[in-house]
Amino acid sequence: MRRYAVLFVLILSSCVGATRPPTNQENACSILEQRPGWLREMQQAQRDWGVPVAVQMATIWKESNFRGRVKTRRTFFLGIIPTGRISSAEGYAQAVDGTWDWYKDETGNRRAKRSNFGDSVDFIGWYMNGSYEKLGIARSDAYNQYLAYHQGQAGYRNGSYRGKDWLLATAREVEAMALRYDIQLQSCT
């Protein structure tokens, strides 16, 4: 019986470790050492949609800190009664329900899951390629791609990000991280 308990604990702990985000998230090489399969998936998304690996990584870094099961925070009535979540965003890409459903319909990837890294980077590539086609934002332009990703393509077109200093600063962080990742990726891939 003790053997089975030890085996169960080992299996459970290996599953828990696999869902932890990579450490040293500011270093692309370190991330890819910990998650070697991710590079293949990001390279595939780059081939399919033209969005550079570094831009995909920077978007996931900002949106979820490389956590696949993250959801937006809960809201409470009177500080104690749960009333839901800020939005339906979840997963690595923090995609909301409607946009995720649109992606699945348009790509035919009906089994896609937001908690799956490969599906998430494919989603990011698909969405940012759409921003290139509809808005003319270069696929490598992490700053404007992030603004369109966060505000939605219609929101970006309408300039809904203007006057949101916090969002403009966040887009600059994504841009800087994409540049950092790009430089690092040249030495580790």
C-alpha atoms as a PDB file:
ATOM      1  CA  MET A   1       0.000   0.000   0.000  1.00  0.00           C
ATOM      2  CA  ARG A   2       2.849   2.371   0.879  1.00  0.00           C
ATOM      3  CA  ARG A   3       4.364   1.768  -2.565  1.00  0.00           C
ATOM      4  CA  TYR A   4       1.152   2.872  -4.257  1.00  0.00           C
ATOM      5  CA  ALA A   5       0.954   5.988  -2.107  1.00  0.00           C
ATOM      6  CA  VAL A   6       4.535   6.944  -3.013  1.00  0.00           C
ATOM      7  CA  LEU A   7       3.866   6.255  -6.689  1.00  0.00           C
ATOM      8  CA  PHE A   8       0.692   8.374  -6.550  1.00  0.00           C
ATOM      9  CA  VAL A   9       2.578  11.279  -4.935  1.00  0.00           C
ATOM     10  CA  LEU A  10       5.341  11.063  -7.563  1.00  0.00           C
ATOM     11  CA  ILE A  11       2.848  11.084 -10.423  1.00  0.00           C
ATOM     12  CA  LEU A  12       0.880  13.948  -8.889  1.00  0.00           C
ATOM     13  CA  SER A  13       4.015  16.028  -8.274  1.00  0.00           C
ATOM     14  CA  SER A  14       5.200  15.515 -11.852  1.00  0.00           C
ATOM     15  CA  CYS A  15       1.849  16.813 -13.119  1.00  0.00           C
ATOM     16  CA  VAL A  16       1.993  19.852 -10.856  1.00  0.00           C
ATOM     17  CA  GLY A  17       5.527  20.702 -11.991  1.00  0.00           C
ATOM     18  CA  ALA A  18       4.486  20.606 -15.629  1.00  0.00           C
ATOM     19  CA  THR A  19       1.896  23.333 -15.074  1.00  0.00           C
ATOM     20  CA  ARG A  20       4.257  25.726 -13.291  1.00  0.00           C
ATOM     21  CA  PRO A  21       5.409  28.661 -15.381  1.00  0.00           C
ATOM     22  CA  PRO A  22       9.054  28.707 -16.401  1.00  0.00           C
ATOM     23  CA  THR A  23      11.430  30.551 -14.100  1.00  0.00           C
ATOM     24  CA  ASN A  24      13.577  33.478 -15.279  1.00  0.00           C
ATOM     25  CA  GLN A  25      10.922  34.693 -17.685  1.00  0.00           C
ATOM     26  CA  GLU A  26      13.074  37.546 -18.896  1.00  0.00           C
ATOM     27  CA  ASN A  27      15.442  35.091 -20.572  1.00  0.00           C
ATOM     28  CA  ALA A  28      14.161  33.365 -23.716  1.00  0.00           C
ATOM     29  CA  CYS A  29      16.920  30.739 -23.621  1.00  0.00           C
ATOM     30  CA  SER A  30      16.059  29.793 -20.052  1.00  0.00           C
ATOM     31  CA  ILE A  31      12.368  29.487 -20.948  1.00  0.00           C
ATOM     32  CA  LEU A  32      13.135  27.243 -23.916  1.00  0.00           C
ATOM     33  CA  GLU A  33      15.503  25.077 -21.876  1.00  0.00           C
ATOM     34  CA  GLN A  34      12.634  24.419 -19.470  1.00  0.00           C
ATOM     35  CA  ARG A  35      10.009  24.000 -22.219  1.00  0.00           C
ATOM     36  CA  PRO A  36      11.855  22.729 -25.330  1.00  0.00           C
ATOM     37  CA  GLY A  37       8.640  21.846 -27.177  1.00  0.00           C
ATOM     38  CA  TRP A  38       7.450  25.433 -27.076  1.00  0.00           C
ATOM     39  CA  LEU A  39       9.995  26.617 -29.647  1.00  0.00           C
ATOM     40  CA  ARG A  40       8.674  24.173 -32.241  1.00  0.00           C
ATOM     41  CA  GLU A  41       5.124  25.367 -31.629  1.00  0.00           C
ATOM     42  CA  MET A  42       6.065  29.054 -31.876  1.00  0.00           C
ATOM     43  CA  GLN A  43       8.092  28.437 -35.028  1.00  0.00           C
ATOM     44  CA  GLN A  44       5.080  26.685 -36.554  1.00  0.00           C
ATOM     45  CA  ALA A  45       2.869  29.676 -35.698  1.00  0.00           C
ATOM     46  CA  GLN A  46       5.488  31.959 -37.251  1.00  0.00           C
ATOM     47  CA  ARG A  47       5.485  29.879 -40.455  1.00  0.00           C
ATOM     48  CA  ASP A  48       1.685  29.817 -40.561  1.00  0.00           C
ATOM     49  CA  TRP A  49       0.972  33.455 -39.682  1.00  0.00           C
ATOM     50  CA  GLY A  50       4.239  35.400 -40.036  1.00  0.00           C
ATOM     51  CA  VAL A  51       4.334  36.642 -36.427  1.00  0.00           C
ATOM     52  CA  PRO A  52       7.884  36.402 -35.036  1.00  0.00           C
ATOM     53  CA  VAL A  53       8.571  34.059 -32.117  1.00  0.00           C
ATOM     54  CA  ALA A  54       9.802  36.980 -29.988  1.00  0.00           C
ATOM     55  CA  VAL A  55       6.503  38.861 -30.442  1.00  0.00           C
ATOM     56  CA  GLN A  56       4.518  35.743 -29.503  1.00  0.00           C
ATOM     57  CA  MET A  57       6.665  35.224 -26.393  1.00  0.00           C
ATOM     58  CA  ALA A  58       6.419  38.865 -25.281  1.00  0.00           C
ATOM     59  CA  THR A  59       2.637  38.781 -25.658  1.00  0.00           C
ATOM     60  CA  ILE A  60       2.324  35.634 -23.544  1.00  0.00           C
ATOM     61  CA  TRP A  61       4.790  37.037 -21.000  1.00  0.00           C
ATOM     62  CA  LYS A  62       2.601  40.109 -20.506  1.00  0.00           C
ATOM     63  CA  GLU A  63      -0.770  38.402 -20.761  1.00  0.00           C
ATOM     64  CA  SER A  64      -0.254  35.355 -18.532  1.00  0.00           C
ATOM     65  CA  ASN A  65       3.360  35.124 -17.357  1.00  0.00           C
ATOM     66  CA  PHE A  66       3.475  31.800 -19.217  1.00  0.00           C
ATOM     67  CA  ARG A  67       0.676  30.313 -17.086  1.00  0.00           C
ATOM     68  CA  GLY A  68      -1.762  28.164 -19.031  1.00  0.00           C
ATOM     69  CA  ARG A  69      -4.604  28.002 -16.544  1.00  0.00           C
ATOM     70  CA  VAL A  70      -4.761  31.627 -15.438  1.00  0.00           C
ATOM     71  CA  LYS A  71      -8.059  33.511 -15.469  1.00  0.00           C
ATOM     72  CA  THR A  72      -8.902  37.119 -14.715  1.00  0.00           C
ATOM     73  CA  ARG A  73      -9.535  37.995 -11.097  1.00  0.00           C
ATOM     74  CA  ARG A  74     -12.921  37.548  -9.502  1.00  0.00           C
ATOM     75  CA  THR A  75     -15.237  40.418  -8.655  1.00  0.00           C
ATOM     76  CA  PHE A  76     -17.190  40.655  -5.397  1.00  0.00           C
ATOM     77  CA  PHE A  77     -20.354  42.398  -4.264  1.00  0.00           C
ATOM     78  CA  LEU A  78     -19.844  44.137  -0.916  1.00  0.00           C
ATOM     79  CA  GLY A  79     -16.364  42.679  -0.875  1.00  0.00           C
ATOM     80  CA  ILE A  80     -17.512  39.167   0.032  1.00  0.00           C
ATOM     81  CA  ILE A  81     -20.085  37.792  -2.438  1.00  0.00           C
ATOM     82  CA  PRO A  82     -18.490  36.498  -5.660  1.00  0.00           C
ATOM     83  CA  THR A  83     -20.174  37.985  -8.738  1.00  0.00           C
ATOM     84  CA  GLY A  84     -17.984  36.602 -11.518  1.00  0.00           C
ATOM     85  CA  ARG A  85     -14.801  37.603 -13.253  1.00  0.00           C
ATOM     86  CA  ILE A  86     -13.629  40.832 -14.861  1.00  0.00           C
ATOM     87  CA  SER A  87     -13.756  39.122 -18.265  1.00  0.00           C
ATOM     88  CA  SER A  88     -13.825  35.664 -19.823  1.00  0.00           C
ATOM     89  CA  ALA A  89     -10.111  35.887 -20.705  1.00  0.00           C
ATOM     90  CA  GLU A  90      -8.091  32.819 -19.813  1.00  0.00           C
ATOM     91  CA  GLY A  91      -5.092  30.709 -20.723  1.00  0.00           C
ATOM     92  CA  TYR A  92      -1.650  31.574 -22.037  1.00  0.00           C
ATOM     93  CA  ALA A  93      -3.024  34.097 -24.536  1.00  0.00           C
ATOM     94  CA  GLN A  94      -5.759  35.488 -22.239  1.00  0.00           C
ATOM     95  CA  ALA A  95      -8.224  35.133 -25.096  1.00  0.00           C
ATOM     96  CA  VAL A  96     -11.850  36.012 -24.358  1.00  0.00           C
ATOM     97  CA  ASP A  97     -14.659  33.594 -25.174  1.00  0.00           C
ATOM     98  CA  GLY A  98     -16.001  35.344 -28.279  1.00  0.00           C
ATOM     99  CA  THR A  99     -12.629  35.857 -29.936  1.00  0.00           C
ATOM    100  CA  TRP A 100     -11.553  32.297 -29.095  1.00  0.00           C
ATOM    101  CA  ASP A 101     -14.753  30.946 -30.665  1.00  0.00           C
ATOM    102  CA  TRP A 102     -14.141  33.124 -33.745  1.00  0.00           C
ATOM    103  CA  TYR A 103     -10.608  31.689 -34.001  1.00  0.00           C
ATOM    104  CA  LYS A 104     -11.871  28.101 -33.729  1.00  0.00           C
ATOM    105  CA  ASP A 105     -14.547  28.708 -36.364  1.00  0.00           C
ATOM    106  CA  GLU A 106     -12.249  30.484 -38.793  1.00  0.00           C
ATOM    107  CA  THR A 107      -9.332  28.056 -38.487  1.00  0.00           C
ATOM    108  CA  GLY A 108     -11.367  24.870 -38.109  1.00  0.00           C
ATOM    109  CA  ASN A 109      -9.397  24.078 -34.950  1.00  0.00           C
ATOM    110  CA  ARG A 110     -12.529  23.109 -32.995  1.00  0.00           C
ATOM    111  CA  ARG A 111     -10.607  21.208 -30.299  1.00  0.00           C
ATOM    112  CA  ALA A 112      -8.304  24.128 -29.446  1.00  0.00           C
ATOM    113  CA  LYS A 113      -7.835  24.881 -25.753  1.00  0.00           C
ATOM    114  CA  ARG A 114      -6.625  28.125 -24.239  1.00  0.00           C
ATOM    115  CA  SER A 115      -4.590  26.136 -21.709  1.00  0.00           C
ATOM    116  CA  ASN A 116      -2.636  24.471 -24.549  1.00  0.00           C
ATOM    117  CA  PHE A 117       0.525  26.394 -25.438  1.00  0.00           C
ATOM    118  CA  GLY A 118       0.511  25.393 -29.122  1.00  0.00           C
ATOM    119  CA  ASP A 119      -3.122  26.418 -29.550  1.00  0.00           C
ATOM    120  CA  SER A 120      -2.424  29.709 -27.762  1.00  0.00           C
ATOM    121  CA  VAL A 121       0.512  30.714 -29.961  1.00  0.00           C
ATOM    122  CA  ASP A 122      -1.470  29.728 -33.042  1.00  0.00           C
ATOM    123  CA  PHE A 123      -4.270  31.986 -31.790  1.00  0.00           C
ATOM    124  CA  ILE A 124      -1.838  34.868 -31.257  1.00  0.00           C
ATOM    125  CA  GLY A 125      -0.408  34.374 -34.747  1.00  0.00           C
ATOM    126  CA  TRP A 126      -3.879  34.212 -36.277  1.00  0.00           C
ATOM    127  CA  TYR A 127      -5.069  37.318 -34.443  1.00  0.00           C
ATOM    128  CA  MET A 128      -1.955  39.388 -35.184  1.00  0.00           C
ATOM    129  CA  ASN A 129      -2.010  38.324 -38.820  1.00  0.00           C
ATOM    130  CA  GLY A 130      -5.589  39.605 -38.879  1.00  0.00           C
ATOM    131  CA  SER A 131      -4.369  42.912 -37.433  1.00  0.00           C
ATOM    132  CA  TYR A 132      -1.815  43.064 -40.230  1.00  0.00           C
ATOM    133  CA  GLU A 133      -4.434  42.344 -42.896  1.00  0.00           C
ATOM    134  CA  LYS A 134      -7.169  44.619 -41.491  1.00  0.00           C
ATOM    135  CA  LEU A 135      -5.152  47.421 -39.900  1.00  0.00           C
ATOM    136  CA  GLY A 136      -1.819  47.321 -41.693  1.00  0.00           C
ATOM    137  CA  ILE A 137       0.172  46.694 -38.486  1.00  0.00           C
ATOM    138  CA  ALA A 138       3.440  44.946 -39.297  1.00  0.00           C
ATOM    139  CA  ARG A 139       3.555  41.478 -37.789  1.00  0.00           C
ATOM    140  CA  SER A 140       6.862  42.352 -36.119  1.00  0.00           C
ATOM    141  CA  ASP A 141       5.528  45.606 -34.587  1.00  0.00           C
ATOM    142  CA  ALA A 142       5.086  44.355 -31.023  1.00  0.00           C
ATOM    143  CA  TYR A 143       3.939  47.762 -29.734  1.00  0.00           C
ATOM    144  CA  ASN A 144       0.991  48.322 -32.078  1.00  0.00           C
ATOM    145  CA  GLN A 145       0.179  44.620 -32.344  1.00  0.00           C
ATOM    146  CA  TYR A 146      -0.192  44.515 -28.567  1.00  0.00           C
ATOM    147  CA  LEU A 147      -2.456  47.582 -28.570  1.00  0.00           C
ATOM    148  CA  ALA A 148      -4.694  45.931 -31.188  1.00  0.00           C
ATOM    149  CA  TYR A 149      -4.554  42.635 -29.287  1.00  0.00           C
ATOM    150  CA  HIS A 150      -5.580  44.276 -26.015  1.00  0.00           C
ATOM    151  CA  GLN A 151      -8.213  46.676 -27.349  1.00  0.00           C
ATOM    152  CA  GLY A 152      -9.497  44.529 -30.192  1.00  0.00           C
ATOM    153  CA  GLN A 153      -9.085  45.411 -33.843  1.00  0.00           C
ATOM    154  CA  ALA A 154     -12.136  47.693 -33.888  1.00  0.00           C
ATOM    155  CA  GLY A 155     -10.964  49.407 -30.701  1.00  0.00           C
ATOM    156  CA  TYR A 156      -7.523  49.944 -32.188  1.00  0.00           C
ATOM    157  CA  ARG A 157      -9.017  51.349 -35.400  1.00  0.00           C
ATOM    158  CA  ASN A 158     -11.111  53.766 -33.290  1.00  0.00           C
ATOM    159  CA  GLY A 159      -8.098  54.771 -31.192  1.00  0.00           C
ATOM    160  CA  SER A 160      -9.566  53.514 -27.918  1.00  0.00           C
ATOM    161  CA  TYR A 161      -6.035  53.159 -26.517  1.00  0.00           C
ATOM    162  CA  ARG A 162      -5.369  56.896 -26.752  1.00  0.00           C
ATOM    163  CA  GLY A 163      -5.338  58.567 -23.369  1.00  0.00           C
ATOM    164  CA  LYS A 164      -4.789  55.230 -21.586  1.00  0.00           C
ATOM    165  CA  ASP A 165      -1.285  55.938 -20.352  1.00  0.00           C
ATOM    166  CA  TRP A 166      -1.125  52.643 -18.452  1.00  0.00           C
ATOM    167  CA  LEU A 167      -1.884  50.707 -21.652  1.00  0.00           C
ATOM    168  CA  LEU A 168       0.624  52.657 -23.732  1.00  0.00           C
ATOM    169  CA  ALA A 169       3.261  51.932 -21.068  1.00  0.00           C
ATOM    170  CA  THR A 170       2.301  48.252 -21.103  1.00  0.00           C
ATOM    171  CA  ALA A 171       2.648  48.133 -24.898  1.00  0.00           C
ATOM    172  CA  ARG A 172       6.131  49.671 -24.529  1.00  0.00           C
ATOM    173  CA  GLU A 173       7.010  46.903 -22.052  1.00  0.00           C
ATOM    174  CA  VAL A 174       5.855  44.284 -24.569  1.00  0.00           C
ATOM    175  CA  GLU A 175       7.882  45.980 -27.303  1.00  0.00           C
ATOM    176  CA  ALA A 176      11.014  46.043 -25.111  1.00  0.00           C
ATOM    177  CA  MET A 177      10.567  42.406 -24.092  1.00  0.00           C
ATOM    178  CA  ALA A 178      10.080  41.321 -27.711  1.00  0.00           C
ATOM    179  CA  LEU A 179      13.346  43.055 -28.610  1.00  0.00           C
ATOM    180  CA  ARG A 180      15.102  41.411 -25.658  1.00  0.00           C
ATOM    181  CA  TYR A 181      13.738  37.977 -26.553  1.00  0.00           C
ATOM    182  CA  ASP A 182      14.708  38.457 -30.205  1.00  0.00           C
ATOM    183  CA  ILE A 183      18.323  39.207 -29.281  1.00  0.00           C
ATOM    184  CA  GLN A 184      18.448  36.276 -26.857  1.00  0.00           C
ATOM    185  CA  LEU A 185      16.892  33.846 -29.338  1.00  0.00           C
ATOM    186  CA  GLN A 186      19.721  34.506 -31.778  1.00  0.00           C
ATOM    187  CA  SER A 187      22.210  33.027 -29.315  1.00  0.00           C
ATOM    188  CA  CYS A 188      20.229  30.015 -28.050  1.00  0.00           C
ATOM    189  CA  THR A 189      18.369  28.581 -31.052  1.00  0.00           C
END
